[in-house]
Amino acid sequence: MSNKKNTAERENIILSAAAAQAEKEISQLTDYQKQAAIYRHDLRHHMNFIQSCLAGNNMQQALEYINEINNNLDNTRITRYCSNEAINLILSSYINKAHDADISTQISVTATDFSSYRITDLCSLLANALENAINSCIKQCDNAVSKDNKRLITIKLFEKNNKICINIANTYFEEPRFRNQIPVTDEPDHGIGVRSIISVIEKYNGIYAFFTKDGTFYFQACI
């Protein structure tokens, strides 16, 4: 009984930490989005300032100002994948990270009803799964043998039998190891993401599977 209690407490800590991280990321991304709206609203003022710099032959100041704006706008590339803004923010953030690492993506979101779930749970699940997929592809990128191999992440969110289904697949170089059909790693401070994913799924009495086929790692869940 004591072991079960300790296990439950550890899982609750993992889940709480993951939810807190998801809330933090959503809040940060929302701030970025607001900042982008401000820049777009003030575009005329930005252009006037740059024009005055160029008129005064102050090329360096103009370039620094343009770079600052570009850096801020790069953090706000939000794509509307579905009706839920928080999920759009999380998906956009990780898709942008994938593209920045030269990883191709294919994404399909047809799910529309997220009302039965805490949105931070869904975002935590997606964030951990996508982070693992990106890290796997980055290892593929870094390996000289696989330079010519296509690095790809595919994401599908859809509804089936009144449940949300999530299918995420990614290419990899290093063959994943499994224990009891769950991916494991000996790397320090790794593996928590998978436990967090499972905790969210079990919270909603869902089902999940991790497996590989033809050089692709698959994560599938239905909650």
Protein backbone atom coordinates (compact mmCIF):
# COMPACT_ATOMS: atom_id res chain seq x y z
CA MET A 1 0.00 0.00 0.00
CA SER A 2 2.87 2.35 0.89
CA ASN A 3 4.57 1.78 -2.47
CA LYS A 4 1.34 2.52 -4.35
CA LYS A 5 0.89 5.71 -2.33
CA ASN A 6 4.45 6.85 -3.03
CA THR A 7 4.03 6.09 -6.74
CA ALA A 8 0.78 8.05 -6.84
CA GLU A 9 2.40 10.98 -5.08
CA ARG A 10 5.32 11.00 -7.54
CA GLU A 11 2.94 10.89 -10.50
CA ASN A 12 0.93 13.78 -9.03
CA ILE A 13 4.11 15.81 -8.64
CA ILE A 14 5.09 15.08 -12.26
CA LEU A 15 1.63 15.99 -13.52
CA SER A 16 1.49 19.18 -11.47
CA ALA A 17 4.94 20.25 -12.67
CA ALA A 18 3.99 19.55 -16.29
CA ALA A 19 0.74 21.51 -15.96
CA ALA A 20 2.59 24.43 -14.37
CA GLN A 21 5.13 24.40 -17.21
CA ALA A 22 2.33 24.35 -19.78
CA GLU A 23 0.64 27.33 -18.11
CA LYS A 24 3.96 29.18 -18.08
CA GLU A 25 4.56 28.51 -21.77
CA ILE A 26 1.03 29.54 -22.73
CA SER A 27 1.39 32.75 -20.72
CA GLN A 28 4.76 33.54 -22.34
CA LEU A 29 3.46 32.83 -25.83
CA THR A 30 0.39 34.97 -25.17
CA ASP A 31 2.68 37.84 -24.13
CA TYR A 32 4.67 37.40 -27.34
CA GLN A 33 1.45 37.48 -29.36
CA LYS A 34 0.33 40.69 -27.64
CA GLN A 35 3.73 42.25 -28.33
CA ALA A 36 3.43 41.31 -32.01
CA ALA A 37 0.02 42.99 -32.16
CA ILE A 38 1.58 46.14 -30.72
CA TYR A 39 4.36 46.08 -33.33
CA ARG A 40 1.85 45.63 -36.14
CA HIS A 41 -0.27 48.47 -34.77
CA ASP A 42 2.77 50.72 -34.53
CA LEU A 43 4.20 49.73 -37.91
CA ARG A 44 3.84 53.25 -39.31
CA HIS A 45 5.87 54.66 -36.39
CA HIS A 46 8.56 52.01 -36.88
CA MET A 47 8.80 52.83 -40.58
CA ASN A 48 9.03 56.55 -39.85
CA PHE A 49 11.88 55.95 -37.40
CA ILE A 50 13.77 53.76 -39.88
CA GLN A 51 13.19 56.32 -42.62
CA SER A 52 14.61 59.08 -40.44
CA CYS A 53 17.66 56.92 -39.66
CA LEU A 54 18.28 56.35 -43.37
CA ALA A 55 17.71 60.03 -44.16
CA GLY A 56 20.36 60.88 -41.56
CA ASN A 57 22.69 58.27 -43.07
CA ASN A 58 22.63 56.35 -39.77
CA MET A 59 22.62 52.90 -41.35
CA GLN A 60 23.86 51.05 -38.25
CA GLN A 61 21.04 52.38 -36.04
CA ALA A 62 18.47 51.47 -38.69
CA LEU A 63 19.83 47.91 -38.98
CA GLU A 64 19.89 47.41 -35.21
CA TYR A 65 16.29 48.63 -34.96
CA ILE A 66 15.16 46.30 -37.77
CA ASN A 67 16.94 43.33 -36.16
CA GLU A 68 15.29 44.06 -32.82
CA ILE A 69 11.84 44.10 -34.43
CA ASN A 70 12.58 40.90 -36.37
CA ASN A 71 13.73 39.09 -33.23
CA ASN A 72 10.56 40.05 -31.39
CA LEU A 73 8.33 39.05 -34.30
CA ASP A 74 10.13 35.70 -34.69
CA ASN A 75 8.79 34.76 -31.25
CA THR A 76 5.20 35.40 -32.33
CA ARG A 77 4.69 33.18 -35.37
CA ILE A 78 1.29 31.88 -34.29
CA THR A 79 -0.64 29.67 -36.71
CA ARG A 80 -4.33 28.98 -36.21
CA TYR A 81 -4.68 25.20 -36.30
CA CYS A 82 -7.95 24.94 -34.38
CA SER A 83 -10.49 26.96 -32.41
CA ASN A 84 -8.54 26.75 -29.13
CA GLU A 85 -6.01 29.55 -28.75
CA ALA A 86 -3.85 27.80 -26.12
CA ILE A 87 -3.41 24.73 -28.32
CA ASN A 88 -2.58 27.00 -31.27
CA LEU A 89 0.11 28.68 -29.16
CA ILE A 90 1.70 25.41 -28.03
CA LEU A 91 1.59 23.84 -31.49
CA SER A 92 2.96 26.99 -33.14
CA SER A 93 5.78 27.23 -30.62
CA TYR A 94 7.02 23.68 -31.18
CA ILE A 95 6.42 23.70 -34.93
CA ASN A 96 8.52 26.87 -35.11
CA LYS A 97 11.26 25.15 -33.07
CA ALA A 98 11.17 22.22 -35.48
CA HIS A 99 11.45 24.48 -38.52
CA ASP A 100 14.30 26.43 -36.90
CA ALA A 101 16.12 23.07 -36.62
CA ASP A 102 15.44 22.31 -40.31
CA ILE A 103 12.90 19.61 -39.45
CA SER A 104 9.96 19.25 -41.82
CA THR A 105 6.47 18.99 -40.35
CA GLN A 106 3.06 17.82 -41.46
CA ILE A 107 0.13 18.77 -39.24
CA SER A 108 -3.60 18.11 -39.32
CA VAL A 109 -5.97 19.28 -36.59
CA THR A 110 -9.63 18.46 -37.14
CA ALA A 111 -10.63 18.16 -33.47
CA THR A 112 -12.95 20.95 -32.37
CA ASP A 113 -14.37 20.08 -28.94
CA PHE A 114 -11.87 20.37 -26.09
CA SER A 115 -14.44 21.20 -23.40
CA SER A 116 -14.06 17.89 -21.54
CA TYR A 117 -10.38 18.49 -20.76
CA ARG A 118 -8.23 20.85 -18.76
CA ILE A 119 -6.49 22.68 -21.54
CA THR A 120 -3.22 22.73 -19.59
CA ASP A 121 -3.32 18.92 -19.55
CA LEU A 122 -3.65 18.76 -23.33
CA CYS A 123 -0.94 21.39 -23.82
CA SER A 124 1.38 19.59 -21.41
CA LEU A 125 0.84 16.31 -23.28
CA LEU A 126 1.48 17.93 -26.65
CA ALA A 127 4.48 19.92 -25.43
CA ASN A 128 6.23 16.86 -23.99
CA ALA A 129 5.48 14.67 -27.00
CA LEU A 130 6.64 17.31 -29.48
CA GLU A 131 9.76 18.14 -27.48
CA ASN A 132 10.73 14.46 -27.51
CA ALA A 133 10.07 14.25 -31.26
CA ILE A 134 12.16 17.35 -31.95
CA ASN A 135 15.05 16.14 -29.78
CA SER A 136 15.02 12.80 -31.60
CA CYS A 137 15.14 14.54 -34.99
CA ILE A 138 17.91 16.87 -33.81
CA LYS A 139 20.03 13.83 -32.92
CA GLN A 140 19.33 12.63 -36.45
CA CYS A 141 20.40 16.07 -37.76
CA ASP A 142 23.63 15.96 -35.77
CA ASN A 143 24.68 12.54 -37.00
CA ALA A 144 26.83 12.69 -40.13
CA VAL A 145 25.54 9.35 -41.40
CA SER A 146 21.96 10.67 -41.52
CA LYS A 147 22.60 14.09 -43.03
CA ASP A 148 20.81 13.16 -46.24
CA ASN A 149 17.88 11.50 -44.51
CA LYS A 150 14.62 13.37 -44.38
CA ARG A 151 13.81 14.63 -40.89
CA LEU A 152 10.06 14.74 -40.41
CA ILE A 153 7.48 15.13 -37.67
CA THR A 154 3.81 14.48 -38.38
CA ILE A 155 1.03 15.54 -36.03
CA LYS A 156 -2.64 14.62 -36.15
CA LEU A 157 -5.36 15.66 -33.69
CA PHE A 158 -8.81 14.33 -34.44
CA GLU A 159 -12.03 13.21 -32.77
CA LYS A 160 -13.28 9.64 -32.68
CA ASN A 161 -16.15 8.27 -30.57
CA ASN A 162 -16.32 11.54 -28.59
CA LYS A 163 -12.65 11.31 -27.67
CA ILE A 164 -9.59 13.30 -28.68
CA CYS A 165 -7.03 11.23 -30.57
CA ILE A 166 -3.40 12.31 -30.92
CA ASN A 167 -0.97 10.73 -33.37
CA ILE A 168 2.61 12.02 -33.47
CA ALA A 169 5.36 10.39 -35.52
CA ASN A 170 8.99 11.33 -36.04
CA THR A 171 12.02 10.00 -37.85
CA TYR A 172 15.06 9.09 -35.77
CA PHE A 173 18.66 7.91 -36.02
CA GLU A 174 19.24 6.24 -32.67
CA GLU A 175 17.01 3.20 -32.15
CA PRO A 176 14.72 3.84 -29.13
CA ARG A 177 14.80 1.43 -26.21
CA PHE A 178 11.57 0.18 -24.64
CA ARG A 179 10.68 -1.31 -21.29
CA ASN A 180 7.17 -2.73 -20.98
CA GLN A 181 6.37 -1.03 -24.33
CA ILE A 182 7.33 2.40 -22.95
CA PRO A 183 10.40 4.29 -24.27
CA VAL A 184 13.17 4.63 -21.69
CA THR A 185 16.51 6.39 -21.53
CA ASP A 186 19.60 6.38 -19.31
CA GLU A 187 20.32 10.06 -19.98
CA PRO A 188 20.17 12.17 -16.81
CA ASP A 189 17.08 14.37 -16.37
CA HIS A 190 15.35 12.63 -19.30
CA GLY A 191 12.30 10.39 -19.34
CA ILE A 192 10.16 12.69 -17.21
CA GLY A 193 8.33 13.87 -20.32
CA VAL A 194 7.11 10.36 -21.14
CA ARG A 195 5.92 9.82 -17.56
CA SER A 196 4.09 13.14 -17.70
CA ILE A 197 2.43 12.15 -20.99
CA ILE A 198 1.25 8.86 -19.51
CA SER A 199 0.00 10.60 -16.36
CA VAL A 200 -2.21 12.92 -18.40
CA ILE A 201 -3.60 10.04 -20.46
CA GLU A 202 -4.33 7.93 -17.38
CA LYS A 203 -6.01 10.90 -15.72
CA TYR A 204 -8.66 10.74 -18.46
CA ASN A 205 -8.75 6.91 -18.53
CA GLY A 206 -7.28 6.99 -22.01
CA ILE A 207 -5.19 4.53 -23.96
CA TYR A 208 -1.76 5.00 -25.55
CA ALA A 209 0.93 3.24 -27.53
CA PHE A 210 4.60 3.86 -28.34
CA PHE A 211 6.25 1.87 -31.12
CA THR A 212 8.62 2.06 -34.10
CA LYS A 213 8.19 0.99 -37.69
CA ASP A 214 10.41 1.47 -40.74
CA GLY A 215 12.65 4.07 -39.10
CA THR A 216 9.80 6.10 -37.61
CA PHE A 217 8.80 6.45 -33.96
CA TYR A 218 5.07 6.58 -33.28
CA PHE A 219 3.14 7.92 -30.28
CA GLN A 220 -0.62 7.41 -30.35
CA ALA A 221 -3.17 8.26 -27.70
CA CYS A 222 -6.92 8.49 -27.31
CA ILE A 223 -8.40 10.26 -24.26
